[in-house]
């Protein structure tokens, strides 16, 4: 099924997608401004690494509890509430203009991230309720491609706007994007919005953990994004590459914007590759994982030795094309195999594990740079070598026919 056909035939998927478009555009427009703000005020890679931890760790802490609420409440209303909270708190970044104000940036972003911990599991869990089974793979590929397109466009425009106009415009646009998202999500007509699990005993966190423990195929699928999440450390290094290793004229924001835009282009190509490669064939999901991990590792090795920002951008494109394949394949594996009554908790736990690993990797990358004084190129190569481990594991799993069961 083509993306245009999916959006034309399924209005609920269309409203969900439009909400994603506007909110993620604002997010990526904003992220370049936040990182440039920290680098300008502190000149510290650790400050950026701590911000990346703040953007991830609250999800690891709050995520499992959020999943319980996602399985008990109307998932559409959960998403609208999260959008309104993010729109309300993000203008607080306008108050950060001195080194002693940096703590406020962490508080504001942390509050917005806690709201995201509710929004993202609800969005993943609600999709099977608004899409037919044969629509799941193209719908997830469209979601991944949209994320990447908004990253490419938002990061590129964000870098340009910050350079030409200033950071405050990016912060305001981000806040308004969440208001627009809430309007689109409110248009979803969802008769099945009420979750199956309506009693505390049916929707408790321990019940969800027990389901995962009993379902080894679900545990395996949960590991896919977590193994990829070491990219959190790589993204700390990418900001340093853009600022000082292979900078672009125009300042830190311009270099970071180019590399983040390349990340988005790659993820978009990966979504198209996933759609063309896998089609609607669920049997190919597991087999796609090992080649994707291998390609990511090789691409980041190339980035570690890139002589200029343009070669580095090509390596980023290739690496994040592989990441997009991992994201789409693992998400569809879970949506196909997890019953609706557990889906919110499973996706929340997956998101929490992803953010826990990513935040740890971000922090350790900052420590490696600023305290251990390891060069960014050497750290990038070390991160790249890791991907050989999950590549080998999924290669052997695919040979054993480890495919997700039909739910």
Protein backbone atom coordinates (compact mmCIF):
# COMPACT_ATOMS: atom_id res chain seq x y z
CA UNK A 1 0.00 0.00 0.00
CA UNK A 2 1.34 3.44 -0.91
CA UNK A 3 1.62 6.17 1.71
CA UNK A 4 -0.72 8.51 -0.17
CA UNK A 5 -3.33 5.79 -0.47
CA UNK A 6 -3.06 5.01 3.26
CA UNK A 7 -3.57 8.65 4.25
CA UNK A 8 -6.46 9.12 1.81
CA UNK A 9 -8.33 5.98 2.86
CA UNK A 10 -7.78 6.14 6.62
CA UNK A 11 -8.59 9.56 8.15
CA UNK A 12 -7.59 8.49 11.68
CA UNK A 13 -4.10 7.58 10.51
CA UNK A 14 -4.03 10.88 8.64
CA UNK A 15 -4.82 12.95 11.76
CA UNK A 16 -2.30 10.98 13.81
CA UNK A 17 0.31 11.59 11.13
CA UNK A 18 -0.41 15.34 10.86
CA UNK A 19 0.05 15.65 14.62
CA UNK A 20 3.41 13.96 14.27
CA UNK A 21 4.43 16.26 11.41
CA UNK A 22 3.91 19.54 13.26
CA UNK A 23 5.19 18.46 16.67
CA UNK A 24 8.35 16.78 15.39
CA UNK A 25 9.12 19.69 13.10
CA UNK A 26 9.05 21.96 16.13
CA UNK A 27 11.12 19.50 18.16
CA UNK A 28 13.96 19.32 15.67
CA UNK A 29 13.76 23.04 14.98
CA UNK A 30 14.29 23.47 18.72
CA UNK A 31 16.99 20.88 19.42
CA UNK A 32 19.71 22.64 17.43
CA UNK A 33 18.91 25.85 19.31
CA UNK A 34 19.14 24.11 22.70
CA UNK A 35 22.50 22.50 21.96
CA UNK A 36 23.90 25.70 20.49
CA UNK A 37 22.66 27.58 23.58
CA UNK A 38 24.53 25.22 25.91
CA UNK A 39 27.71 25.31 23.87
CA UNK A 40 27.61 29.12 23.70
CA UNK A 41 27.00 29.54 27.44
CA UNK A 42 29.28 26.78 28.77
CA UNK A 43 31.69 25.72 25.96
CA UNK A 44 31.38 22.20 27.43
CA UNK A 45 30.68 18.88 25.74
CA UNK A 46 29.54 17.61 29.13
CA UNK A 47 26.78 20.25 29.21
CA UNK A 48 25.40 18.87 25.96
CA UNK A 49 25.78 15.30 27.23
CA UNK A 50 23.85 16.19 30.41
CA UNK A 51 21.08 17.74 28.29
CA UNK A 52 20.88 14.54 26.27
CA UNK A 53 20.56 12.61 29.53
CA UNK A 54 17.78 15.00 30.61
CA UNK A 55 16.07 14.37 27.26
CA UNK A 56 16.10 10.63 27.91
CA UNK A 57 16.47 9.56 31.55
CA UNK A 58 13.08 10.88 32.80
CA UNK A 59 11.44 8.58 30.26
CA UNK A 60 13.32 5.62 31.72
CA UNK A 61 12.08 6.57 35.20
CA UNK A 62 8.50 7.58 34.42
CA UNK A 63 7.91 5.38 31.35
CA UNK A 64 6.77 2.13 33.01
CA UNK A 65 4.20 3.95 35.17
CA UNK A 66 3.09 5.93 32.13
CA UNK A 67 2.46 2.66 30.31
CA UNK A 68 0.04 1.58 33.03
CA UNK A 69 -2.01 4.75 32.52
CA UNK A 70 -1.86 4.36 28.74
CA UNK A 71 -3.50 0.94 29.14
CA UNK A 72 -6.17 2.27 31.52
CA UNK A 73 -7.13 5.62 29.97
CA UNK A 74 -8.30 6.91 26.62
CA UNK A 75 -5.05 6.96 24.65
CA UNK A 76 -6.15 9.87 22.51
CA UNK A 77 -6.74 12.05 25.58
CA UNK A 78 -3.36 11.00 27.00
CA UNK A 79 -1.68 12.31 23.83
CA UNK A 80 -3.64 15.59 23.86
CA UNK A 81 -2.77 16.18 27.53
CA UNK A 82 0.92 15.52 26.86
CA UNK A 83 0.88 17.99 23.96
CA UNK A 84 -0.68 20.72 26.11
CA UNK A 85 1.86 20.21 28.89
CA UNK A 86 4.76 20.50 26.45
CA UNK A 87 3.29 23.64 24.90
CA UNK A 88 2.96 25.20 28.36
CA UNK A 89 6.47 24.52 29.68
CA UNK A 90 8.76 25.02 26.67
CA UNK A 91 8.53 28.86 26.59
CA UNK A 92 10.57 28.71 29.80
CA UNK A 93 13.65 28.33 27.60
CA UNK A 94 13.26 32.03 26.69
CA UNK A 95 14.49 32.86 30.19
CA UNK A 96 17.87 31.14 29.74
CA UNK A 97 20.45 33.70 28.60
CA UNK A 98 23.33 33.48 31.10
CA UNK A 99 25.60 30.61 32.25
CA UNK A 100 23.99 30.67 35.69
CA UNK A 101 20.56 30.09 34.06
CA UNK A 102 21.53 26.80 32.42
CA UNK A 103 19.87 24.79 35.20
CA UNK A 104 16.51 26.18 34.08
CA UNK A 105 17.02 24.75 30.58
CA UNK A 106 17.44 21.31 32.13
CA UNK A 107 14.29 21.72 34.24
CA UNK A 108 12.15 22.92 31.31
CA UNK A 109 13.34 20.21 28.94
CA UNK A 110 12.96 17.57 31.67
CA UNK A 111 9.32 18.55 32.26
CA UNK A 112 8.59 18.33 28.53
CA UNK A 113 10.29 14.94 28.34
CA UNK A 114 8.11 13.57 31.14
CA UNK A 115 5.07 14.48 29.04
CA UNK A 116 6.70 12.70 26.08
CA UNK A 117 6.95 9.56 28.24
CA UNK A 118 3.14 9.43 28.11
CA UNK A 119 2.70 10.54 24.51
CA UNK A 120 4.98 8.12 22.67
CA UNK A 121 3.72 4.81 24.15
CA UNK A 122 0.15 6.00 23.58
CA UNK A 123 0.92 6.79 19.93
CA UNK A 124 2.54 3.40 19.29
CA UNK A 125 -0.22 1.55 21.16
CA UNK A 126 -3.07 3.35 19.43
CA UNK A 127 -1.91 2.68 15.88
CA UNK A 128 -3.20 -0.92 15.63
CA UNK A 129 -6.61 0.42 16.73
CA UNK A 130 -6.78 2.87 13.81
CA UNK A 131 -4.97 0.82 11.14
CA UNK A 132 -5.77 -2.55 9.63
CA UNK A 133 -3.20 -5.33 9.97
CA UNK A 134 -1.94 -4.90 6.40
CA UNK A 135 -1.60 -1.15 7.03
CA UNK A 136 0.74 -1.49 10.03
CA UNK A 137 4.03 -1.84 8.18
CA UNK A 138 3.41 1.05 5.74
CA UNK A 139 1.99 3.18 8.58
CA UNK A 140 5.11 2.63 10.69
CA UNK A 141 7.36 3.22 7.70
CA UNK A 142 5.49 6.47 7.07
CA UNK A 143 5.93 7.44 10.73
CA UNK A 144 9.66 6.73 10.60
CA UNK A 145 10.02 8.58 7.31
CA UNK A 146 8.13 11.55 8.72
CA UNK A 147 10.35 11.63 11.81
CA UNK A 148 13.38 11.70 9.53
CA UNK A 149 11.94 14.32 7.18
CA UNK A 150 11.08 16.59 10.09
CA UNK A 151 14.57 16.04 11.51
CA UNK A 152 16.18 16.96 8.18
CA UNK A 153 13.98 20.00 7.55
CA UNK A 154 13.71 21.11 11.17
CA UNK A 155 17.43 20.74 11.94
CA UNK A 156 18.49 22.49 8.75
CA UNK A 157 16.03 25.37 9.20
CA UNK A 158 16.72 25.48 12.92
CA UNK A 159 20.43 25.91 12.34
CA UNK A 160 19.76 28.65 9.77
CA UNK A 161 17.21 30.50 11.92
CA UNK A 162 19.40 30.37 15.03
CA UNK A 163 22.32 31.73 13.00
CA UNK A 164 20.29 34.48 11.31
CA UNK A 165 17.56 35.41 13.82
CA UNK A 166 18.37 33.90 17.19
CA UNK A 167 17.36 31.02 19.43
CA UNK A 168 14.15 32.48 20.86
CA UNK A 169 12.26 32.02 17.57
CA UNK A 170 13.00 28.30 17.65
CA UNK A 171 11.72 27.97 21.23
CA UNK A 172 8.44 29.75 20.39
CA UNK A 173 7.85 27.70 17.24
CA UNK A 174 8.37 24.49 19.19
CA UNK A 175 5.75 25.45 21.77
CA UNK A 176 3.15 26.33 19.12
CA UNK A 177 3.83 23.07 17.27
CA UNK A 178 2.49 21.09 20.22
CA UNK A 179 -0.71 23.12 20.26
CA UNK A 180 -1.21 22.29 16.59
CA UNK A 181 -0.53 18.62 17.31
CA UNK A 182 -3.20 18.57 20.03
CA UNK A 183 -5.74 19.98 17.55
CA UNK A 184 -5.00 17.24 15.01
CA UNK A 185 -5.04 14.41 17.60
CA UNK A 186 -8.44 15.66 18.84
CA UNK A 187 -9.87 15.01 15.35
CA UNK A 188 -9.26 11.25 15.63
CA UNK A 189 -12.54 9.32 15.76
CA UNK A 190 -11.61 6.32 17.85
CA UNK A 191 -14.45 4.02 18.96
CA UNK A 192 -11.85 1.68 20.43
CA UNK A 193 -10.06 4.41 22.38
CA UNK A 194 -11.03 2.80 25.70
CA UNK A 195 -8.35 0.19 26.48
CA UNK A 196 -9.25 -3.44 27.08
CA UNK A 197 -7.70 -3.49 30.55
CA UNK A 198 -10.01 -1.46 32.77
CA UNK A 199 -9.24 -2.94 36.21
CA UNK A 200 -6.09 -2.27 38.20
CA UNK A 201 -5.35 -5.98 38.45
CA UNK A 202 -5.46 -6.32 34.66
CA UNK A 203 -3.41 -3.21 33.91
CA UNK A 204 -0.77 -3.21 36.63
CA UNK A 205 2.91 -2.76 35.90
CA UNK A 206 3.89 -6.13 37.35
CA UNK A 207 1.27 -7.83 35.21
CA UNK A 208 2.84 -6.22 32.14
CA UNK A 209 6.35 -7.22 33.21
CA UNK A 210 5.12 -10.75 33.81
CA UNK A 211 3.66 -10.90 30.31
CA UNK A 212 6.99 -9.80 28.83
CA UNK A 213 8.89 -12.37 30.91
CA UNK A 214 6.61 -15.15 29.73
CA UNK A 215 6.86 -14.05 26.09
CA UNK A 216 10.46 -14.51 25.00
CA UNK A 217 9.73 -13.28 21.47
CA UNK A 218 8.56 -9.99 23.00
CA UNK A 219 11.73 -9.76 25.11
CA UNK A 220 13.81 -10.26 21.96
CA UNK A 221 11.90 -7.57 20.07
CA UNK A 222 12.28 -5.19 23.04
CA UNK A 223 16.06 -5.54 22.79
CA UNK A 224 16.29 -4.23 19.22
CA UNK A 225 16.01 -0.50 19.98
CA UNK A 226 17.93 -0.85 23.27
CA UNK A 227 20.93 -2.34 21.46
CA UNK A 228 20.75 0.53 18.97
CA UNK A 229 20.44 3.14 21.75
CA UNK A 230 24.21 3.49 22.19
CA UNK A 231 23.67 6.04 19.43
CA UNK A 232 22.95 8.43 22.33
CA UNK A 233 26.70 8.63 22.93
CA UNK A 234 27.34 8.99 19.23
CA UNK A 235 25.03 12.01 19.04
CA UNK A 236 27.05 13.74 21.76
CA UNK A 237 30.11 13.17 19.58
CA UNK A 238 28.24 14.41 16.51
CA UNK A 239 27.65 17.79 18.18
CA UNK A 240 31.38 18.01 18.93
CA UNK A 241 32.23 17.01 15.35
CA UNK A 242 29.95 19.78 14.07
CA UNK A 243 31.35 22.36 16.49
CA UNK A 244 35.12 21.73 16.44
CA UNK A 245 36.33 18.58 14.66
CA UNK A 246 34.99 19.29 11.16
CA UNK A 247 33.18 22.63 11.62
CA UNK A 248 31.24 24.56 9.03
CA UNK A 249 31.56 28.29 8.58
CA UNK A 250 28.74 30.08 10.35
CA UNK A 251 29.27 28.71 13.84
CA UNK A 252 28.37 25.69 15.94
CA UNK A 253 24.66 25.78 15.07
CA UNK A 254 25.39 25.57 11.34
CA UNK A 255 27.66 22.52 11.63
CA UNK A 256 25.39 20.71 14.05
CA UNK A 257 22.39 21.52 11.84
CA UNK A 258 24.04 19.96 8.77
CA UNK A 259 24.91 16.73 10.59
CA UNK A 260 21.47 16.43 12.18
CA UNK A 261 19.86 17.11 8.83
CA UNK A 262 21.96 14.27 7.37
CA UNK A 263 20.67 12.07 10.18
CA UNK A 264 17.13 12.89 9.11
CA UNK A 265 17.82 12.24 5.42
CA UNK A 266 19.27 8.85 6.30
CA UNK A 267 16.33 7.87 8.47
CA UNK A 268 13.98 8.87 5.65
CA UNK A 269 15.86 6.75 3.14
CA UNK A 270 15.78 3.91 5.65
CA UNK A 271 12.00 4.16 5.91
CA UNK A 272 11.68 3.97 2.12
CA UNK A 273 14.15 1.07 2.05
CA UNK A 274 12.13 -0.76 4.69
CA UNK A 275 8.92 -0.26 2.72
CA UNK A 276 10.54 -1.50 -0.51
CA UNK A 277 12.51 -4.32 1.09
CA UNK A 278 9.93 -5.76 3.46
CA UNK A 279 6.73 -4.75 1.68
CA UNK A 280 4.02 -6.29 3.85
CA UNK A 281 5.90 -9.56 4.43
CA UNK A 282 6.09 -10.12 8.20
CA UNK A 283 8.49 -13.07 7.71
CA UNK A 284 11.28 -10.70 6.65
CA UNK A 285 11.21 -8.56 9.79
CA UNK A 286 13.75 -10.58 11.79
CA UNK A 287 16.00 -11.12 8.80
CA UNK A 288 16.37 -7.37 8.27
CA UNK A 289 17.93 -6.73 11.68
CA UNK A 290 21.46 -8.17 11.33
CA UNK A 291 22.26 -6.38 8.02
CA UNK A 292 20.95 -3.13 9.51
CA UNK A 293 23.17 -3.37 12.60
CA UNK A 294 26.19 -4.26 10.46
CA UNK A 295 25.62 -1.30 8.14
CA UNK A 296 25.30 1.07 11.09
CA UNK A 297 28.63 -0.04 12.54
CA UNK A 298 30.49 0.31 9.23
CA UNK A 299 28.96 3.75 8.65
CA UNK A 300 30.00 5.10 12.05
CA UNK A 301 33.54 3.79 11.48
CA UNK A 302 33.57 5.87 8.31
CA UNK A 303 32.31 8.88 10.27
CA UNK A 304 35.13 8.46 12.80
CA UNK A 305 37.70 9.12 10.08
CA UNK A 306 35.74 11.59 7.94
CA UNK A 307 38.02 14.42 6.69
CA UNK A 308 35.24 16.99 6.32
CA UNK A 309 31.64 17.62 7.24
CA UNK A 310 30.32 16.47 3.87
CA UNK A 311 31.88 12.99 4.10
CA UNK A 312 30.67 12.86 7.69
CA UNK A 313 27.16 13.70 6.46
CA UNK A 314 27.21 10.81 3.99
CA UNK A 315 28.25 8.46 6.81
CA UNK A 316 25.42 9.83 8.99
CA UNK A 317 22.94 9.22 6.18
CA UNK A 318 24.03 5.58 5.83
CA UNK A 319 24.09 4.92 9.58
CA UNK A 320 20.62 6.30 10.23
CA UNK A 321 19.14 4.54 7.22
CA UNK A 322 20.04 1.35 9.10
CA UNK A 323 18.60 2.77 12.31
CA UNK A 324 15.29 3.43 10.58
CA UNK A 325 15.12 -0.20 9.41
CA UNK A 326 15.64 -1.34 13.02
CA UNK A 327 12.98 1.04 14.32
CA UNK A 328 10.26 0.10 11.84
CA UNK A 329 10.92 -3.65 11.97
CA UNK A 330 10.97 -3.86 15.78
CA UNK A 331 7.86 -1.67 16.17
CA UNK A 332 5.84 -3.79 13.74
CA UNK A 333 7.07 -6.98 15.44
CA UNK A 334 5.63 -5.75 18.73
CA UNK A 335 2.39 -4.40 17.27
CA UNK A 336 1.73 -7.73 15.56
CA UNK A 337 2.49 -9.92 18.56
CA UNK A 338 1.36 -7.99 21.68
CA UNK A 339 -2.35 -8.03 22.65
CA UNK A 340 -4.06 -4.65 23.01
CA UNK A 341 -4.45 -4.93 26.79
CA UNK A 342 -0.66 -5.07 27.24
CA UNK A 343 0.41 -2.84 24.39
CA UNK A 344 0.75 0.44 26.28
CA UNK A 345 2.93 -1.11 28.98
CA UNK A 346 5.10 -2.98 26.50
CA UNK A 347 5.79 0.11 24.41
CA UNK A 348 6.39 2.21 27.54
CA UNK A 349 8.90 -0.33 28.86
CA UNK A 350 10.57 -0.49 25.45
CA UNK A 351 10.80 3.31 25.38
CA UNK A 352 12.15 3.38 28.95
CA UNK A 353 14.87 0.82 28.15
CA UNK A 354 15.79 2.74 25.01
CA UNK A 355 16.15 5.99 26.93
CA UNK A 356 18.01 4.38 29.84
CA UNK A 357 20.69 2.98 27.55
CA UNK A 358 20.82 6.13 25.45
CA UNK A 359 21.17 8.45 28.46
CA UNK A 360 23.94 6.29 29.94
CA UNK A 361 25.76 6.29 26.62
CA UNK A 362 25.37 10.08 26.32
CA UNK A 363 26.77 10.68 29.78
CA UNK A 364 29.69 8.31 29.30
CA UNK A 365 30.56 9.96 25.99
CA UNK A 366 30.70 13.34 27.76
CA UNK A 367 32.91 11.86 30.50
CA UNK A 368 35.20 10.35 27.88
CA UNK A 369 35.58 13.72 26.17
CA UNK A 370 35.95 16.08 29.11
CA UNK A 371 37.39 13.99 31.96
CA UNK A 372 39.31 11.16 30.31
CA UNK A 373 40.34 13.37 27.38
CA UNK A 374 39.74 10.68 24.77
CA UNK A 375 39.60 12.13 21.27
CA UNK A 376 36.17 12.30 19.59
CA UNK A 377 37.34 10.24 16.62
CA UNK A 378 38.57 7.40 18.87
CA UNK A 379 35.33 7.46 20.87
CA UNK A 380 33.30 7.36 17.66
CA UNK A 381 35.23 4.28 16.46
CA UNK A 382 34.69 2.54 19.81
CA UNK A 383 30.94 3.15 19.61
CA UNK A 384 30.88 1.84 16.04
CA UNK A 385 32.53 -1.44 17.04
CA UNK A 386 29.66 -2.23 19.43
CA UNK A 387 27.19 -2.86 16.62
CA UNK A 388 28.97 -6.09 15.67
CA UNK A 389 27.45 -7.68 18.80
CA UNK A 390 23.70 -7.29 18.00
CA UNK A 391 24.47 -7.92 14.31
CA UNK A 392 25.89 -11.35 15.18
CA UNK A 393 23.07 -12.13 17.64
CA UNK A 394 20.28 -11.39 15.14
CA UNK A 395 22.13 -13.16 12.34
CA UNK A 396 21.97 -16.42 14.30
CA UNK A 397 18.42 -15.70 15.51
CA UNK A 398 17.24 -15.26 11.92
CA UNK A 399 18.90 -18.53 10.91
CA UNK A 400 16.94 -20.26 13.66
CA UNK A 401 13.74 -18.76 12.27
CA UNK A 402 13.09 -16.48 15.23
CA UNK A 403 10.03 -14.68 13.88
CA UNK A 404 7.29 -13.03 15.95
CA UNK A 405 4.10 -15.08 16.29
CA UNK A 406 0.84 -13.78 14.93
CA UNK A 407 -1.41 -12.34 17.59
